[in-house]
Amino acid sequence: MKLPEEGMLLRIFIGESDHYEGQALYEYIVLKARELNLAGATVTRGIMGFGADSRVHTAKLLRLSEDLPVVIELVDTEENLNKLMPFLDKSVIEGLITREKVRVLKYRHKNA
């Protein structure tokens, strides 16, 4: 797959404990993106954060949170990312979704 130089970054902020149909939501989103043949996805687990409810989630030793922030990032064309939006509309009940233009400098597989 080749990405054009002008791409889009879709960033989804959710909680680690968010689920959809019995599966961790971040896993479901990544698998759905793969099923839709998107260019790729990365999940990052935060060590501290808060969202719309202003409740702080932290991974401090004395207060382990079971709902740490999770960010899923996907870069692809706007057209391809739009294929994921209906799924996100129904599955992301709480969270934040952003989209911005990005410049793709390199997207390669080592065997390509």
PDB file of N, CA and C in Angstrom:
ATOM      1  N   MET A   1       0.843  -1.175   0.000  1.00  0.00           N
ATOM      2  CA  MET A   1       0.000   0.000   0.000  1.00  0.00           C
ATOM      3  C   MET A   1       0.888   1.238   0.000  1.00  0.00           C
ATOM      4  N   LYS A   2       0.517   2.232  -0.781  1.00  0.00           N
ATOM      5  CA  LYS A   2       1.255   3.480  -0.828  1.00  0.00           C
ATOM      6  C   LYS A   2       0.349   4.592  -0.323  1.00  0.00           C
ATOM      7  N   LEU A   3       0.891   5.427   0.546  1.00  0.00           N
ATOM      8  CA  LEU A   3       0.140   6.570   1.042  1.00  0.00           C
ATOM      9  C   LEU A   3       0.567   7.816   0.291  1.00  0.00           C
ATOM     10  N   PRO A   4      -0.387   8.683  -0.031  1.00  0.00           N
ATOM     11  CA  PRO A   4      -0.009   9.952  -0.650  1.00  0.00           C
ATOM     12  C   PRO A   4       0.690  10.838   0.384  1.00  0.00           C
ATOM     13  N   GLU A   5       1.400  11.850  -0.097  1.00  0.00           N
ATOM     14  CA  GLU A   5       2.117  12.737   0.818  1.00  0.00           C
ATOM     15  C   GLU A   5       1.166  13.464   1.764  1.00  0.00           C
ATOM     16  N   GLU A   6      -0.001  13.835   1.279  1.00  0.00           N
ATOM     17  CA  GLU A   6      -0.998  14.490   2.125  1.00  0.00           C
ATOM     18  C   GLU A   6      -1.925  13.429   2.697  1.00  0.00           C
ATOM     19  N   GLY A   7      -1.840  13.213   3.996  1.00  0.00           N
ATOM     20  CA  GLY A   7      -2.685  12.221   4.649  1.00  0.00           C
ATOM     21  C   GLY A   7      -3.476  12.847   5.776  1.00  0.00           C
ATOM     22  N   MET A   8      -4.179  12.004   6.508  1.00  0.00           N
ATOM     23  CA  MET A   8      -4.959  12.450   7.652  1.00  0.00           C
ATOM     24  C   MET A   8      -4.580  11.598   8.857  1.00  0.00           C
ATOM     25  N   LEU A   9      -4.551  12.234  10.017  1.00  0.00           N
ATOM     26  CA  LEU A   9      -4.311  11.553  11.282  1.00  0.00           C
ATOM     27  C   LEU A   9      -5.617  11.550  12.052  1.00  0.00           C
ATOM     28  N   LEU A  10      -6.076  10.363  12.403  1.00  0.00           N
ATOM     29  CA  LEU A  10      -7.264  10.201  13.238  1.00  0.00           C
ATOM     30  C   LEU A  10      -6.772   9.773  14.610  1.00  0.00           C
ATOM     31  N   ARG A  11      -7.158  10.517  15.636  1.00  0.00           N
ATOM     32  CA  ARG A  11      -6.704  10.231  16.994  1.00  0.00           C
ATOM     33  C   ARG A  11      -7.943  10.039  17.872  1.00  0.00           C
ATOM     34  N   ILE A  12      -7.966   8.907  18.583  1.00  0.00           N
ATOM     35  CA  ILE A  12      -9.116   8.545  19.406  1.00  0.00           C
ATOM     36  C   ILE A  12      -8.643   8.413  20.849  1.00  0.00           C
ATOM     37  N   PHE A  13      -9.233   9.194  21.739  1.00  0.00           N
ATOM     38  CA  PHE A  13      -8.907   9.172  23.164  1.00  0.00           C
ATOM     39  C   PHE A  13     -10.042   8.467  23.901  1.00  0.00           C
ATOM     40  N   ILE A  14      -9.722   7.352  24.534  1.00  0.00           N
ATOM     41  CA  ILE A  14     -10.720   6.599  25.296  1.00  0.00           C
ATOM     42  C   ILE A  14     -10.083   6.116  26.597  1.00  0.00           C
ATOM     43  N   GLY A  15     -10.845   5.367  27.384  1.00  0.00           N
ATOM     44  CA  GLY A  15     -10.317   4.778  28.608  1.00  0.00           C
ATOM     45  C   GLY A  15      -9.969   3.317  28.389  1.00  0.00           C
ATOM     46  N   GLU A  16      -8.982   2.861  29.125  1.00  0.00           N
ATOM     47  CA  GLU A  16      -8.531   1.474  29.011  1.00  0.00           C
ATOM     48  C   GLU A  16      -9.648   0.480  29.335  1.00  0.00           C
ATOM     49  N   SER A  17     -10.563   0.865  30.200  1.00  0.00           N
ATOM     50  CA  SER A  17     -11.624  -0.060  30.609  1.00  0.00           C
ATOM     51  C   SER A  17     -12.850  -0.007  29.693  1.00  0.00           C
ATOM     52  N   ASP A  18     -12.837   0.831  28.660  1.00  0.00           N
ATOM     53  CA  ASP A  18     -13.954   0.898  27.721  1.00  0.00           C
ATOM     54  C   ASP A  18     -14.018  -0.394  26.907  1.00  0.00           C
ATOM     55  N   HIS A  19     -15.229  -0.904  26.755  1.00  0.00           N
ATOM     56  CA  HIS A  19     -15.434  -2.160  26.030  1.00  0.00           C
ATOM     57  C   HIS A  19     -16.512  -2.002  24.967  1.00  0.00           C
ATOM     58  N   TYR A  20     -16.466  -2.882  23.990  1.00  0.00           N
ATOM     59  CA  TYR A  20     -17.495  -2.948  22.953  1.00  0.00           C
ATOM     60  C   TYR A  20     -17.703  -4.421  22.624  1.00  0.00           C
ATOM     61  N   GLU A  21     -18.916  -4.865  22.754  1.00  0.00           N
ATOM     62  CA  GLU A  21     -19.273  -6.263  22.496  1.00  0.00           C
ATOM     63  C   GLU A  21     -18.346  -7.239  23.221  1.00  0.00           C
ATOM     64  N   GLY A  22     -18.044  -6.946  24.492  1.00  0.00           N
ATOM     65  CA  GLY A  22     -17.272  -7.855  25.327  1.00  0.00           C
ATOM     66  C   GLY A  22     -15.766  -7.828  25.118  1.00  0.00           C
ATOM     67  N   GLN A  23     -15.271  -6.915  24.299  1.00  0.00           N
ATOM     68  CA  GLN A  23     -13.837  -6.839  24.007  1.00  0.00           C
ATOM     69  C   GLN A  23     -13.347  -5.429  24.325  1.00  0.00           C
ATOM     70  N   ALA A  24     -12.087  -5.304  24.710  1.00  0.00           N
ATOM     71  CA  ALA A  24     -11.522  -3.979  24.947  1.00  0.00           C
ATOM     72  C   ALA A  24     -11.737  -3.122  23.700  1.00  0.00           C
ATOM     73  N   LEU A  25     -12.253  -1.912  23.886  1.00  0.00           N
ATOM     74  CA  LEU A  25     -12.595  -1.057  22.754  1.00  0.00           C
ATOM     75  C   LEU A  25     -11.375  -0.734  21.889  1.00  0.00           C
ATOM     76  N   TYR A  26     -10.229  -0.496  22.522  1.00  0.00           N
ATOM     77  CA  TYR A  26      -9.045  -0.171  21.718  1.00  0.00           C
ATOM     78  C   TYR A  26      -8.658  -1.345  20.816  1.00  0.00           C
ATOM     79  N   GLU A  27      -8.804  -2.582  21.311  1.00  0.00           N
ATOM     80  CA  GLU A  27      -8.519  -3.753  20.475  1.00  0.00           C
ATOM     81  C   GLU A  27      -9.523  -3.849  19.332  1.00  0.00           C
ATOM     82  N   TYR A  28     -10.778  -3.619  19.637  1.00  0.00           N
ATOM     83  CA  TYR A  28     -11.832  -3.710  18.627  1.00  0.00           C
ATOM     84  C   TYR A  28     -11.589  -2.679  17.517  1.00  0.00           C
ATOM     85  N   ILE A  29     -11.191  -1.456  17.906  1.00  0.00           N
ATOM     86  CA  ILE A  29     -10.945  -0.409  16.914  1.00  0.00           C
ATOM     87  C   ILE A  29      -9.786  -0.794  15.998  1.00  0.00           C
ATOM     88  N   VAL A  30      -8.708  -1.309  16.571  1.00  0.00           N
ATOM     89  CA  VAL A  30      -7.546  -1.708  15.767  1.00  0.00           C
ATOM     90  C   VAL A  30      -7.918  -2.838  14.810  1.00  0.00           C
ATOM     91  N   LEU A  31      -8.650  -3.828  15.310  1.00  0.00           N
ATOM     92  CA  LEU A  31      -9.049  -4.947  14.448  1.00  0.00           C
ATOM     93  C   LEU A  31     -10.004  -4.493  13.349  1.00  0.00           C
ATOM     94  N   LYS A  32     -10.895  -3.545  13.673  1.00  0.00           N
ATOM     95  CA  LYS A  32     -11.812  -3.008  12.668  1.00  0.00           C
ATOM     96  C   LYS A  32     -11.026  -2.236  11.605  1.00  0.00           C
ATOM     97  N   ALA A  33     -10.026  -1.478  12.020  1.00  0.00           N
ATOM     98  CA  ALA A  33      -9.189  -0.734  11.071  1.00  0.00           C
ATOM     99  C   ALA A  33      -8.451  -1.693  10.139  1.00  0.00           C
ATOM    100  N   ARG A  34      -7.973  -2.789  10.708  1.00  0.00           N
ATOM    101  CA  ARG A  34      -7.277  -3.795   9.888  1.00  0.00           C
ATOM    102  C   ARG A  34      -8.243  -4.441   8.893  1.00  0.00           C
ATOM    103  N   GLU A  35      -9.441  -4.757   9.368  1.00  0.00           N
ATOM    104  CA  GLU A  35     -10.471  -5.340   8.499  1.00  0.00           C
ATOM    105  C   GLU A  35     -10.800  -4.409   7.332  1.00  0.00           C
ATOM    106  N   LEU A  36     -10.748  -3.094   7.575  1.00  0.00           N
ATOM    107  CA  LEU A  36     -11.034  -2.104   6.539  1.00  0.00           C
ATOM    108  C   LEU A  36      -9.807  -1.772   5.691  1.00  0.00           C
ATOM    109  N   ASN A  37      -8.702  -2.506   5.916  1.00  0.00           N
ATOM    110  CA  ASN A  37      -7.460  -2.313   5.166  1.00  0.00           C
ATOM    111  C   ASN A  37      -6.866  -0.917   5.299  1.00  0.00           C
ATOM    112  N   LEU A  38      -6.974  -0.339   6.492  1.00  0.00           N
ATOM    113  CA  LEU A  38      -6.342   0.950   6.720  1.00  0.00           C
ATOM    114  C   LEU A  38      -4.835   0.753   6.818  1.00  0.00           C
ATOM    115  N   ALA A  39      -4.084   1.816   6.672  1.00  0.00           N
ATOM    116  CA  ALA A  39      -2.628   1.720   6.586  1.00  0.00           C
ATOM    117  C   ALA A  39      -1.987   1.206   7.870  1.00  0.00           C
ATOM    118  N   GLY A  40      -2.570   1.498   9.021  1.00  0.00           N
ATOM    119  CA  GLY A  40      -1.993   1.030  10.280  1.00  0.00           C
ATOM    120  C   GLY A  40      -2.625   1.739  11.461  1.00  0.00           C
ATOM    121  N   ALA A  41      -2.352   1.222  12.642  1.00  0.00           N
ATOM    122  CA  ALA A  41      -2.885   1.808  13.869  1.00  0.00           C
ATOM    123  C   ALA A  41      -1.898   1.569  14.995  1.00  0.00           C
ATOM    124  N   THR A  42      -1.826   2.519  15.912  1.00  0.00           N
ATOM    125  CA  THR A  42      -0.976   2.403  17.082  1.00  0.00           C
ATOM    126  C   THR A  42      -1.790   2.770  18.316  1.00  0.00           C
ATOM    127  N   VAL A  43      -1.674   1.961  19.362  1.00  0.00           N
ATOM    128  CA  VAL A  43      -2.345   2.224  20.629  1.00  0.00           C
ATOM    129  C   VAL A  43      -1.283   2.599  21.653  1.00  0.00           C
ATOM    130  N   THR A  44      -1.506   3.700  22.350  1.00  0.00           N
ATOM    131  CA  THR A  44      -0.598   4.162  23.394  1.00  0.00           C
ATOM    132  C   THR A  44      -1.379   4.263  24.700  1.00  0.00           C
ATOM    133  N   ARG A  45      -0.792   3.696  25.749  1.00  0.00           N
ATOM    134  CA  ARG A  45      -1.419   3.737  27.076  1.00  0.00           C
ATOM    135  C   ARG A  45      -0.789   4.870  27.865  1.00  0.00           C
ATOM    136  N   GLY A  46      -1.614   5.769  28.368  1.00  0.00           N
ATOM    137  CA  GLY A  46      -1.123   6.910  29.132  1.00  0.00           C
ATOM    138  C   GLY A  46      -0.892   6.560  30.590  1.00  0.00           C
ATOM    139  N   ILE A  47      -0.061   7.347  31.239  1.00  0.00           N
ATOM    140  CA  ILE A  47       0.181   7.124  32.660  1.00  0.00           C
ATOM    141  C   ILE A  47      -0.644   8.069  33.532  1.00  0.00           C
ATOM    142  N   MET A  48      -1.219   9.105  32.909  1.00  0.00           N
ATOM    143  CA  MET A  48      -2.067  10.020  33.651  1.00  0.00           C
ATOM    144  C   MET A  48      -2.883  10.844  32.669  1.00  0.00           C
ATOM    145  N   GLY A  49      -4.105  11.179  33.058  1.00  0.00           N
ATOM    146  CA  GLY A  49      -4.930  12.027  32.214  1.00  0.00           C
ATOM    147  C   GLY A  49      -6.298  12.245  32.808  1.00  0.00           C
ATOM    148  N   PHE A  50      -7.075  13.133  32.162  1.00  0.00           N
ATOM    149  CA  PHE A  50      -8.476  13.324  32.533  1.00  0.00           C
ATOM    150  C   PHE A  50      -9.231  13.715  31.284  1.00  0.00           C
ATOM    151  N   GLY A  51     -10.532  13.504  31.335  1.00  0.00           N
ATOM    152  CA  GLY A  51     -11.362  13.788  30.176  1.00  0.00           C
ATOM    153  C   GLY A  51     -12.496  14.727  30.515  1.00  0.00           C
ATOM    154  N   ALA A  52     -13.613  14.581  29.817  1.00  0.00           N
ATOM    155  CA  ALA A  52     -14.741  15.494  29.954  1.00  0.00           C
ATOM    156  C   ALA A  52     -15.322  15.510  31.365  1.00  0.00           C
ATOM    157  N   ASP A  53     -15.191  14.400  32.090  1.00  0.00           N
ATOM    158  CA  ASP A  53     -15.731  14.351  33.457  1.00  0.00           C
ATOM    159  C   ASP A  53     -14.768  14.937  34.490  1.00  0.00           C
ATOM    160  N   SER A  54     -13.569  15.342  34.055  1.00  0.00           N
ATOM    161  CA  SER A  54     -12.531  15.962  34.891  1.00  0.00           C
ATOM    162  C   SER A  54     -11.981  15.049  35.983  1.00  0.00           C
ATOM    163  N   ARG A  55     -12.289  13.762  35.939  1.00  0.00           N
ATOM    164  CA  ARG A  55     -11.747  12.817  36.913  1.00  0.00           C
ATOM    165  C   ARG A  55     -10.353  12.397  36.462  1.00  0.00           C
ATOM    166  N   VAL A  56      -9.387  12.505  37.368  1.00  0.00           N
ATOM    167  CA  VAL A  56      -7.999  12.176  37.033  1.00  0.00           C
ATOM    168  C   VAL A  56      -7.799  10.661  37.121  1.00  0.00           C
ATOM    169  N   HIS A  57      -7.154  10.104  36.116  1.00  0.00           N
ATOM    170  CA  HIS A  57      -6.777   8.694  36.074  1.00  0.00           C
ATOM    171  C   HIS A  57      -5.264   8.656  36.109  1.00  0.00           C
ATOM    172  N   THR A  58      -4.689   7.849  36.993  1.00  0.00           N
ATOM    173  CA  THR A  58      -3.237   7.832  37.133  1.00  0.00           C
ATOM    174  C   THR A  58      -2.733   6.423  37.405  1.00  0.00           C
ATOM    175  N   ALA A  59      -1.465   6.202  37.098  1.00  0.00           N
ATOM    176  CA  ALA A  59      -0.837   4.901  37.319  1.00  0.00           C
ATOM    177  C   ALA A  59       0.128   4.959  38.494  1.00  0.00           C
ATOM    178  N   LYS A  60      -0.072   5.895  39.413  1.00  0.00           N
ATOM    179  CA  LYS A  60       0.814   5.997  40.571  1.00  0.00           C
ATOM    180  C   LYS A  60       0.775   4.701  41.373  1.00  0.00           C
ATOM    181  N   LEU A  61       1.905   4.362  41.968  1.00  0.00           N
ATOM    182  CA  LEU A  61       2.039   3.100  42.693  1.00  0.00           C
ATOM    183  C   LEU A  61       0.975   2.876  43.762  1.00  0.00           C
ATOM    184  N   LEU A  62       0.685   3.890  44.544  1.00  0.00           N
ATOM    185  CA  LEU A  62      -0.242   3.706  45.658  1.00  0.00           C
ATOM    186  C   LEU A  62      -1.701   3.773  45.227  1.00  0.00           C
ATOM    187  N   ARG A  63      -1.920   4.176  43.997  1.00  0.00           N
ATOM    188  CA  ARG A  63      -3.294   4.324  43.542  1.00  0.00           C
ATOM    189  C   ARG A  63      -3.409   3.848  42.098  1.00  0.00           C
ATOM    190  N   LEU A  64      -3.320   2.553  41.894  1.00  0.00           N
ATOM    191  CA  LEU A  64      -3.366   2.011  40.540  1.00  0.00           C
ATOM    192  C   LEU A  64      -4.744   2.195  39.928  1.00  0.00           C
ATOM    193  N   SER A  65      -4.799   2.813  38.798  1.00  0.00           N
ATOM    194  CA  SER A  65      -6.060   3.008  38.103  1.00  0.00           C
ATOM    195  C   SER A  65      -6.302   1.851  37.153  1.00  0.00           C
ATOM    196  N   GLU A  66      -7.519   1.442  37.057  1.00  0.00           N
ATOM    197  CA  GLU A  66      -7.881   0.399  36.091  1.00  0.00           C
ATOM    198  C   GLU A  66      -8.478   1.011  34.836  1.00  0.00           C
ATOM    199  N   ASP A  67      -8.439   2.336  34.763  1.00  0.00           N
ATOM    200  CA  ASP A  67      -9.003   3.011  33.603  1.00  0.00           C
ATOM    201  C   ASP A  67      -8.058   4.106  33.123  1.00  0.00           C
ATOM    202  N   LEU A  68      -6.840   3.698  32.774  1.00  0.00           N
ATOM    203  CA  LEU A  68      -5.862   4.658  32.289  1.00  0.00           C
ATOM    204  C   LEU A  68      -6.255   5.157  30.897  1.00  0.00           C
ATOM    205  N   PRO A  69      -5.787   6.351  30.531  1.00  0.00           N
ATOM    206  CA  PRO A  69      -6.098   6.859  29.202  1.00  0.00           C
ATOM    207  C   PRO A  69      -5.417   6.034  28.107  1.00  0.00           C
ATOM    208  N   VAL A  70      -6.114   5.882  26.997  1.00  0.00           N
ATOM    209  CA  VAL A  70      -5.599   5.161  25.836  1.00  0.00           C
ATOM    210  C   VAL A  70      -5.818   6.051  24.612  1.00  0.00           C
ATOM    211  N   VAL A  71      -4.786   6.134  23.769  1.00  0.00           N
ATOM    212  CA  VAL A  71      -4.891   6.907  22.529  1.00  0.00           C
ATOM    213  C   VAL A  71      -4.623   5.964  21.368  1.00  0.00           C
ATOM    214  N   ILE A  72      -5.532   5.943  20.406  1.00  0.00           N
ATOM    215  CA  ILE A  72      -5.353   5.162  19.191  1.00  0.00           C
ATOM    216  C   ILE A  72      -5.105   6.156  18.061  1.00  0.00           C
ATOM    217  N   GLU A  73      -4.008   5.967  17.325  1.00  0.00           N
ATOM    218  CA  GLU A  73      -3.680   6.845  16.213  1.00  0.00           C
ATOM    219  C   GLU A  73      -3.667   6.053  14.913  1.00  0.00           C
ATOM    220  N   LEU A  74      -4.291   6.611  13.899  1.00  0.00           N
ATOM    221  CA  LEU A  74      -4.345   5.994  12.580  1.00  0.00           C
ATOM    222  C   LEU A  74      -4.019   7.062  11.545  1.00  0.00           C
ATOM    223  N   VAL A  75      -3.156   6.726  10.595  1.00  0.00           N
ATOM    224  CA  VAL A  75      -2.834   7.640   9.498  1.00  0.00           C
ATOM    225  C   VAL A  75      -3.186   6.945   8.196  1.00  0.00           C
ATOM    226  N   ASP A  76      -3.950   7.637   7.380  1.00  0.00           N
ATOM    227  CA  ASP A  76      -4.346   7.106   6.072  1.00  0.00           C
ATOM    228  C   ASP A  76      -4.930   8.270   5.288  1.00  0.00           C
ATOM    229  N   THR A  77      -5.561   7.971   4.164  1.00  0.00           N
ATOM    230  CA  THR A  77      -6.257   9.009   3.411  1.00  0.00           C
ATOM    231  C   THR A  77      -7.558   9.351   4.126  1.00  0.00           C
ATOM    232  N   GLU A  78      -8.069  10.536   3.863  1.00  0.00           N
ATOM    233  CA  GLU A  78      -9.351  10.932   4.463  1.00  0.00           C
ATOM    234  C   GLU A  78     -10.451   9.961   4.051  1.00  0.00           C
ATOM    235  N   GLU A  79     -10.444   9.560   2.797  1.00  0.00           N
ATOM    236  CA  GLU A  79     -11.451   8.631   2.287  1.00  0.00           C
ATOM    237  C   GLU A  79     -11.435   7.309   3.057  1.00  0.00           C
ATOM    238  N   ASN A  80     -10.241   6.757   3.287  1.00  0.00           N
ATOM    239  CA  ASN A  80     -10.151   5.492   4.013  1.00  0.00           C
ATOM    240  C   ASN A  80     -10.544   5.646   5.485  1.00  0.00           C
ATOM    241  N   LEU A  81     -10.117   6.730   6.109  1.00  0.00           N
ATOM    242  CA  LEU A  81     -10.474   6.937   7.515  1.00  0.00           C
ATOM    243  C   LEU A  81     -11.980   7.136   7.681  1.00  0.00           C
ATOM    244  N   ASN A  82     -12.615   7.725   6.690  1.00  0.00           N
ATOM    245  CA  ASN A  82     -14.068   7.914   6.754  1.00  0.00           C
ATOM    246  C   ASN A  82     -14.817   6.584   6.811  1.00  0.00           C
ATOM    247  N   LYS A  83     -14.224   5.515   6.311  1.00  0.00           N
ATOM    248  CA  LYS A  83     -14.854   4.191   6.379  1.00  0.00           C
ATOM    249  C   LYS A  83     -15.000   3.713   7.819  1.00  0.00           C
ATOM    250  N   LEU A  84     -14.140   4.202   8.697  1.00  0.00           N
ATOM    251  CA  LEU A  84     -14.158   3.795  10.100  1.00  0.00           C
ATOM    252  C   LEU A  84     -15.152   4.604  10.934  1.00  0.00           C
ATOM    253  N   MET A  85     -15.553   5.772  10.455  1.00  0.00           N
ATOM    254  CA  MET A  85     -16.368   6.684  11.254  1.00  0.00           C
ATOM    255  C   MET A  85     -17.724   6.120  11.696  1.00  0.00           C
ATOM    256  N   PRO A  86     -18.472   5.412  10.858  1.00  0.00           N
ATOM    257  CA  PRO A  86     -19.751   4.866  11.342  1.00  0.00           C
ATOM    258  C   PRO A  86     -19.558   3.922  12.536  1.00  0.00           C
ATOM    259  N   PHE A  87     -18.502   3.118  12.491  1.00  0.00           N
ATOM    260  CA  PHE A  87     -18.207   2.218  13.605  1.00  0.00           C
ATOM    261  C   PHE A  87     -17.860   3.021  14.857  1.00  0.00           C
ATOM    262  N   LEU A  88     -17.032   4.050  14.711  1.00  0.00           N
ATOM    263  CA  LEU A  88     -16.653   4.866  15.870  1.00  0.00           C
ATOM    264  C   LEU A  88     -17.854   5.599  16.453  1.00  0.00           C
ATOM    265  N   ASP A  89     -18.770   6.056  15.593  1.00  0.00           N
ATOM    266  CA  ASP A  89     -19.963   6.748  16.069  1.00  0.00           C
ATOM    267  C   ASP A  89     -20.782   5.879  17.016  1.00  0.00           C
ATOM    268  N   LYS A  90     -20.861   4.593  16.733  1.00  0.00           N
ATOM    269  CA  LYS A  90     -21.674   3.726  17.591  1.00  0.00           C
ATOM    270  C   LYS A  90     -20.885   3.100  18.742  1.00  0.00           C
ATOM    271  N   SER A  91     -19.570   2.997  18.640  1.00  0.00           N
ATOM    272  CA  SER A  91     -18.810   2.276  19.656  1.00  0.00           C
ATOM    273  C   SER A  91     -18.138   3.177  20.692  1.00  0.00           C
ATOM    274  N   VAL A  92     -17.788   4.392  20.333  1.00  0.00           N
ATOM    275  CA  VAL A  92     -17.129   5.296  21.279  1.00  0.00           C
ATOM    276  C   VAL A  92     -18.214   6.111  21.987  1.00  0.00           C
ATOM    277  N   ILE A  93     -18.588   5.651  23.175  1.00  0.00           N
ATOM    278  CA  ILE A  93     -19.645   6.293  23.954  1.00  0.00           C
ATOM    279  C   ILE A  93     -19.086   7.494  24.716  1.00  0.00           C
ATOM    280  N   GLU A  94     -17.899   7.338  25.292  1.00  0.00           N
ATOM    281  CA  GLU A  94     -17.209   8.419  25.990  1.00  0.00           C
ATOM    282  C   GLU A  94     -15.825   8.549  25.391  1.00  0.00           C
ATOM    283  N   GLY A  95     -15.369   9.756  25.169  1.00  0.00           N
ATOM    284  CA  GLY A  95     -14.033   9.948  24.638  1.00  0.00           C
ATOM    285  C   GLY A  95     -13.957  11.158  23.745  1.00  0.00           C
ATOM    286  N   LEU A  96     -12.884  11.236  22.999  1.00  0.00           N
ATOM    287  CA  LEU A  96     -12.626  12.355  22.100  1.00  0.00           C
ATOM    288  C   LEU A  96     -12.032  11.791  20.818  1.00  0.00           C
ATOM    289  N   ILE A  97     -12.506  12.286  19.686  1.00  0.00           N
ATOM    290  CA  ILE A  97     -11.970  11.881  18.388  1.00  0.00           C
ATOM    291  C   ILE A  97     -11.569  13.145  17.649  1.00  0.00           C
ATOM    292  N   THR A  98     -10.314  13.187  17.177  1.00  0.00           N
ATOM    293  CA  THR A  98      -9.839  14.341  16.412  1.00  0.00           C
ATOM    294  C   THR A  98      -9.290  13.865  15.070  1.00  0.00           C
ATOM    295  N   ARG A  99      -9.238  14.797  14.131  1.00  0.00           N
ATOM    296  CA  ARG A  99      -8.682  14.486  12.821  1.00  0.00           C
ATOM    297  C   ARG A  99      -7.928  15.721  12.336  1.00  0.00           C
ATOM    298  N   GLU A 100      -6.749  15.496  11.792  1.00  0.00           N
ATOM    299  CA  GLU A 100      -5.963  16.614  11.290  1.00  0.00           C
ATOM    300  C   GLU A 100      -5.153  16.176  10.085  1.00  0.00           C
ATOM    301  N   LYS A 101      -4.804  17.145   9.250  1.00  0.00           N
ATOM    302  CA  LYS A 101      -3.974  16.871   8.088  1.00  0.00           C
ATOM    303  C   LYS A 101      -2.548  16.612   8.549  1.00  0.00           C
ATOM    304  N   VAL A 102      -1.905  15.649   7.905  1.00  0.00           N
ATOM    305  CA  VAL A 102      -0.502  15.354   8.183  1.00  0.00           C
ATOM    306  C   VAL A 102       0.237  15.196   6.860  1.00  0.00           C
ATOM    307  N   ARG A 103       1.526  15.392   6.927  1.00  0.00           N
ATOM    308  CA  ARG A 103       2.381  15.179   5.758  1.00  0.00           C
ATOM    309  C   ARG A 103       3.101  13.847   5.968  1.00  0.00           C
ATOM    310  N   VAL A 104       2.870  12.910   5.089  1.00  0.00           N
ATOM    311  CA  VAL A 104       3.490  11.592   5.178  1.00  0.00           C
ATOM    312  C   VAL A 104       4.867  11.668   4.524  1.00  0.00           C
ATOM    313  N   LEU A 105       5.896  11.454   5.320  1.00  0.00           N
ATOM    314  CA  LEU A 105       7.261  11.508   4.800  1.00  0.00           C
ATOM    315  C   LEU A 105       7.731  10.151   4.315  1.00  0.00           C
ATOM    316  N   LYS A 106       7.309   9.099   5.034  1.00  0.00           N
ATOM    317  CA  LYS A 106       7.738   7.758   4.651  1.00  0.00           C
ATOM    318  C   LYS A 106       6.745   6.753   5.204  1.00  0.00           C
ATOM    319  N   TYR A 107       6.381   5.771   4.398  1.00  0.00           N
ATOM    320  CA  TYR A 107       5.532   4.670   4.814  1.00  0.00           C
ATOM    321  C   TYR A 107       5.985   3.458   4.020  1.00  0.00           C
ATOM    322  N   ARG A 108       6.805   2.634   4.660  1.00  0.00           N
ATOM    323  CA  ARG A 108       7.412   1.507   3.944  1.00  0.00           C
ATOM    324  C   ARG A 108       7.462   0.272   4.818  1.00  0.00           C
ATOM    325  N   HIS A 109       7.441  -0.853   4.170  1.00  0.00           N
ATOM    326  CA  HIS A 109       7.669  -2.141   4.806  1.00  0.00           C
ATOM    327  C   HIS A 109       9.081  -2.562   4.423  1.00  0.00           C
ATOM    328  N   LYS A 110       9.806  -3.198   5.330  1.00  0.00           N
ATOM    329  CA  LYS A 110      11.219  -3.526   5.050  1.00  0.00           C
ATOM    330  C   LYS A 110      11.400  -4.447   3.855  1.00  0.00           C
ATOM    331  N   ASN A 111      10.370  -5.234   3.491  1.00  0.00           N
ATOM    332  CA  ASN A 111      10.474  -6.162   2.367  1.00  0.00           C
ATOM    333  C   ASN A 111       9.923  -5.584   1.069  1.00  0.00           C
ATOM    334  N   ALA A 112       9.507  -4.340   1.121  1.00  0.00           N
ATOM    335  CA  ALA A 112       8.899  -3.738  -0.086  1.00  0.00           C
ATOM    336  C   ALA A 112       9.927  -3.073  -0.965  1.00  0.00           C
TER     337      ALA A 112
END
